[in-house]
């Protein structure tokens, strides 16, 4: 889907969109987007894993926006609940979760 994300992602918007993610998405996708939320195991289909870098690299912003807007069973659509700007901000936030996940295995550097 070739929709360009019209919403720039800036640091000051991170807290606001993180709250929306916490309210609408964490229960299934998990706090870090790893498809391990408290309700994930009860679903007939595993929620999208935003920490899967290879899969997320293939997903276009317009595709993510459409899925957030219209839903994809068992995920409900949020077109009626969230503004267009909020849905685009969620796309940006999912991208942040993907970027953060690539550093999870680096650990702490130790001097020897």
C-alpha atoms as a PDB file:
ATOM      1  CA  UNK A   1       0.000   0.000   0.000  1.00  0.00           C
ATOM      2  CA  UNK A   2       1.618   3.231  -1.148  1.00  0.00           C
ATOM      3  CA  UNK A   3       0.364   5.763   1.358  1.00  0.00           C
ATOM      4  CA  UNK A   4       2.978   8.195   2.600  1.00  0.00           C
ATOM      5  CA  UNK A   5       2.965   8.899   6.312  1.00  0.00           C
ATOM      6  CA  UNK A   6       2.097  12.608   6.622  1.00  0.00           C
ATOM      7  CA  UNK A   7       2.884  12.771  10.360  1.00  0.00           C
ATOM      8  CA  UNK A   8       6.421  13.595  11.404  1.00  0.00           C
ATOM      9  CA  UNK A   9       7.539  11.778  14.497  1.00  0.00           C
ATOM     10  CA  UNK A  10       9.106  14.001  17.101  1.00  0.00           C
ATOM     11  CA  UNK A  11      10.260  13.299  20.632  1.00  0.00           C
ATOM     12  CA  UNK A  12       7.569  15.352  22.313  1.00  0.00           C
ATOM     13  CA  UNK A  13       4.869  13.185  20.713  1.00  0.00           C
ATOM     14  CA  UNK A  14       6.407   9.963  22.040  1.00  0.00           C
ATOM     15  CA  UNK A  15       4.705  10.088  25.436  1.00  0.00           C
ATOM     16  CA  UNK A  16       1.266  10.786  23.952  1.00  0.00           C
ATOM     17  CA  UNK A  17       1.402   7.970  21.414  1.00  0.00           C
ATOM     18  CA  UNK A  18       2.980   5.593  23.962  1.00  0.00           C
ATOM     19  CA  UNK A  19      -0.123   6.150  26.114  1.00  0.00           C
ATOM     20  CA  UNK A  20      -2.382   5.261  23.172  1.00  0.00           C
ATOM     21  CA  UNK A  21      -0.278   2.142  22.519  1.00  0.00           C
ATOM     22  CA  UNK A  22      -0.539   1.201  26.203  1.00  0.00           C
ATOM     23  CA  UNK A  23      -4.325   1.631  26.168  1.00  0.00           C
ATOM     24  CA  UNK A  24      -5.114  -0.060  22.854  1.00  0.00           C
ATOM     25  CA  UNK A  25      -2.255  -2.382  21.902  1.00  0.00           C
ATOM     26  CA  UNK A  26      -0.210  -3.680  24.855  1.00  0.00           C
ATOM     27  CA  UNK A  27      -2.827  -6.208  25.942  1.00  0.00           C
ATOM     28  CA  UNK A  28      -2.088  -8.278  22.804  1.00  0.00           C
ATOM     29  CA  UNK A  29       1.154  -6.979  21.289  1.00  0.00           C
ATOM     30  CA  UNK A  30       3.012  -6.549  24.588  1.00  0.00           C
ATOM     31  CA  UNK A  31       4.792  -3.576  26.102  1.00  0.00           C
ATOM     32  CA  UNK A  32       7.700  -3.796  23.664  1.00  0.00           C
ATOM     33  CA  UNK A  33       5.649  -5.042  20.714  1.00  0.00           C
ATOM     34  CA  UNK A  34       6.940  -8.628  20.881  1.00  0.00           C
ATOM     35  CA  UNK A  35       3.440 -10.207  20.548  1.00  0.00           C
ATOM     36  CA  UNK A  36       3.544 -11.296  24.187  1.00  0.00           C
ATOM     37  CA  UNK A  37       0.818  -9.229  25.831  1.00  0.00           C
ATOM     38  CA  UNK A  38      -1.304 -10.782  28.598  1.00  0.00           C
ATOM     39  CA  UNK A  39      -4.109 -11.661  26.148  1.00  0.00           C
ATOM     40  CA  UNK A  40      -1.890 -12.860  23.277  1.00  0.00           C
ATOM     41  CA  UNK A  41      -2.039 -16.543  24.164  1.00  0.00           C
ATOM     42  CA  UNK A  42      -5.856 -16.502  24.219  1.00  0.00           C
ATOM     43  CA  UNK A  43      -6.120 -15.292  20.613  1.00  0.00           C
ATOM     44  CA  UNK A  44      -6.720 -17.644  17.677  1.00  0.00           C
ATOM     45  CA  UNK A  45      -3.848 -15.987  15.788  1.00  0.00           C
ATOM     46  CA  UNK A  46      -0.574 -14.600  17.161  1.00  0.00           C
ATOM     47  CA  UNK A  47      -0.502 -10.789  17.186  1.00  0.00           C
ATOM     48  CA  UNK A  48       2.028  -9.059  14.953  1.00  0.00           C
ATOM     49  CA  UNK A  49       5.519  -9.017  16.418  1.00  0.00           C
ATOM     50  CA  UNK A  50       6.902  -5.526  15.917  1.00  0.00           C
ATOM     51  CA  UNK A  51      10.340  -6.655  17.104  1.00  0.00           C
ATOM     52  CA  UNK A  52      10.759  -8.967  14.085  1.00  0.00           C
ATOM     53  CA  UNK A  53      13.086  -6.729  12.103  1.00  0.00           C
ATOM     54  CA  UNK A  54      12.917  -8.736   8.861  1.00  0.00           C
ATOM     55  CA  UNK A  55       9.120  -8.777   8.756  1.00  0.00           C
ATOM     56  CA  UNK A  56       8.787  -5.147   9.789  1.00  0.00           C
ATOM     57  CA  UNK A  57      11.294  -4.028   7.133  1.00  0.00           C
ATOM     58  CA  UNK A  58       8.902  -5.379   4.481  1.00  0.00           C
ATOM     59  CA  UNK A  59       5.800  -3.720   5.983  1.00  0.00           C
ATOM     60  CA  UNK A  60       4.999  -0.353   4.413  1.00  0.00           C
ATOM     61  CA  UNK A  61       3.682   2.529   6.507  1.00  0.00           C
ATOM     62  CA  UNK A  62       0.437   2.572   4.510  1.00  0.00           C
ATOM     63  CA  UNK A  63      -0.113  -1.124   5.213  1.00  0.00           C
ATOM     64  CA  UNK A  64       0.362  -0.622   8.953  1.00  0.00           C
ATOM     65  CA  UNK A  65      -1.953   2.397   8.887  1.00  0.00           C
ATOM     66  CA  UNK A  66      -4.631   0.378   7.084  1.00  0.00           C
ATOM     67  CA  UNK A  67      -4.379  -2.498   9.590  1.00  0.00           C
ATOM     68  CA  UNK A  68      -4.619  -0.092  12.529  1.00  0.00           C
ATOM     69  CA  UNK A  69      -7.584   1.648  10.894  1.00  0.00           C
ATOM     70  CA  UNK A  70      -9.574  -1.321   9.594  1.00  0.00           C
ATOM     71  CA  UNK A  71      -8.308  -4.111  11.824  1.00  0.00           C
ATOM     72  CA  UNK A  72      -7.293  -7.606  10.902  1.00  0.00           C
ATOM     73  CA  UNK A  73      -8.980 -10.430  12.729  1.00  0.00           C
ATOM     74  CA  UNK A  74      -8.761 -10.837  15.653  1.00  0.00           C
ATOM     75  CA  UNK A  75      -7.501  -7.245  15.970  1.00  0.00           C
ATOM     76  CA  UNK A  76     -10.251  -4.626  15.899  1.00  0.00           C
ATOM     77  CA  UNK A  77     -10.029  -1.547  13.721  1.00  0.00           C
ATOM     78  CA  UNK A  78      -9.496   1.814  15.389  1.00  0.00           C
ATOM     79  CA  UNK A  79     -10.712   4.115  12.631  1.00  0.00           C
ATOM     80  CA  UNK A  80     -13.734   5.215  14.673  1.00  0.00           C
ATOM     81  CA  UNK A  81     -11.835   5.542  17.967  1.00  0.00           C
ATOM     82  CA  UNK A  82      -8.583   7.208  16.952  1.00  0.00           C
ATOM     83  CA  UNK A  83      -8.002  10.231  14.757  1.00  0.00           C
ATOM     84  CA  UNK A  84      -6.076   9.847  11.522  1.00  0.00           C
ATOM     85  CA  UNK A  85      -3.134  11.614  13.155  1.00  0.00           C
ATOM     86  CA  UNK A  86      -3.170   9.227  16.132  1.00  0.00           C
ATOM     87  CA  UNK A  87      -3.180   6.219  13.787  1.00  0.00           C
ATOM     88  CA  UNK A  88      -0.197   7.604  11.859  1.00  0.00           C
ATOM     89  CA  UNK A  89       1.555   8.286  15.161  1.00  0.00           C
ATOM     90  CA  UNK A  90       0.995   4.621  16.085  1.00  0.00           C
ATOM     91  CA  UNK A  91       2.691   3.641  12.823  1.00  0.00           C
ATOM     92  CA  UNK A  92       5.653   5.784  13.861  1.00  0.00           C
ATOM     93  CA  UNK A  93       5.644   4.280  17.349  1.00  0.00           C
ATOM     94  CA  UNK A  94       5.662   0.733  15.972  1.00  0.00           C
ATOM     95  CA  UNK A  95       8.733   1.728  13.948  1.00  0.00           C
ATOM     96  CA  UNK A  96      10.385   2.931  17.173  1.00  0.00           C
ATOM     97  CA  UNK A  97       9.650  -0.427  18.826  1.00  0.00           C
ATOM     98  CA  UNK A  98      11.238  -2.213  15.863  1.00  0.00           C
ATOM     99  CA  UNK A  99      14.360  -0.027  16.036  1.00  0.00           C
ATOM    100  CA  UNK A 100      14.661  -0.510  19.789  1.00  0.00           C
ATOM    101  CA  UNK A 101      14.454  -4.284  19.427  1.00  0.00           C
ATOM    102  CA  UNK A 102      17.556  -4.508  17.269  1.00  0.00           C
ATOM    103  CA  UNK A 103      19.661  -3.452  20.258  1.00  0.00           C
ATOM    104  CA  UNK A 104      18.233  -5.888  22.805  1.00  0.00           C
ATOM    105  CA  UNK A 105      20.985  -8.486  22.397  1.00  0.00           C
ATOM    106  CA  UNK A 106      23.959  -6.162  22.555  1.00  0.00           C
ATOM    107  CA  UNK A 107      24.233  -6.260  26.305  1.00  0.00           C
ATOM    108  CA  UNK A 108      26.654  -4.146  28.291  1.00  0.00           C
ATOM    109  CA  UNK A 109      30.158  -3.560  27.084  1.00  0.00           C
ATOM    110  CA  UNK A 110      32.725  -4.574  29.651  1.00  0.00           C
ATOM    111  CA  UNK A 111      36.289  -3.414  29.905  1.00  0.00           C
ATOM    112  CA  UNK A 112      38.807  -6.187  30.276  1.00  0.00           C
END
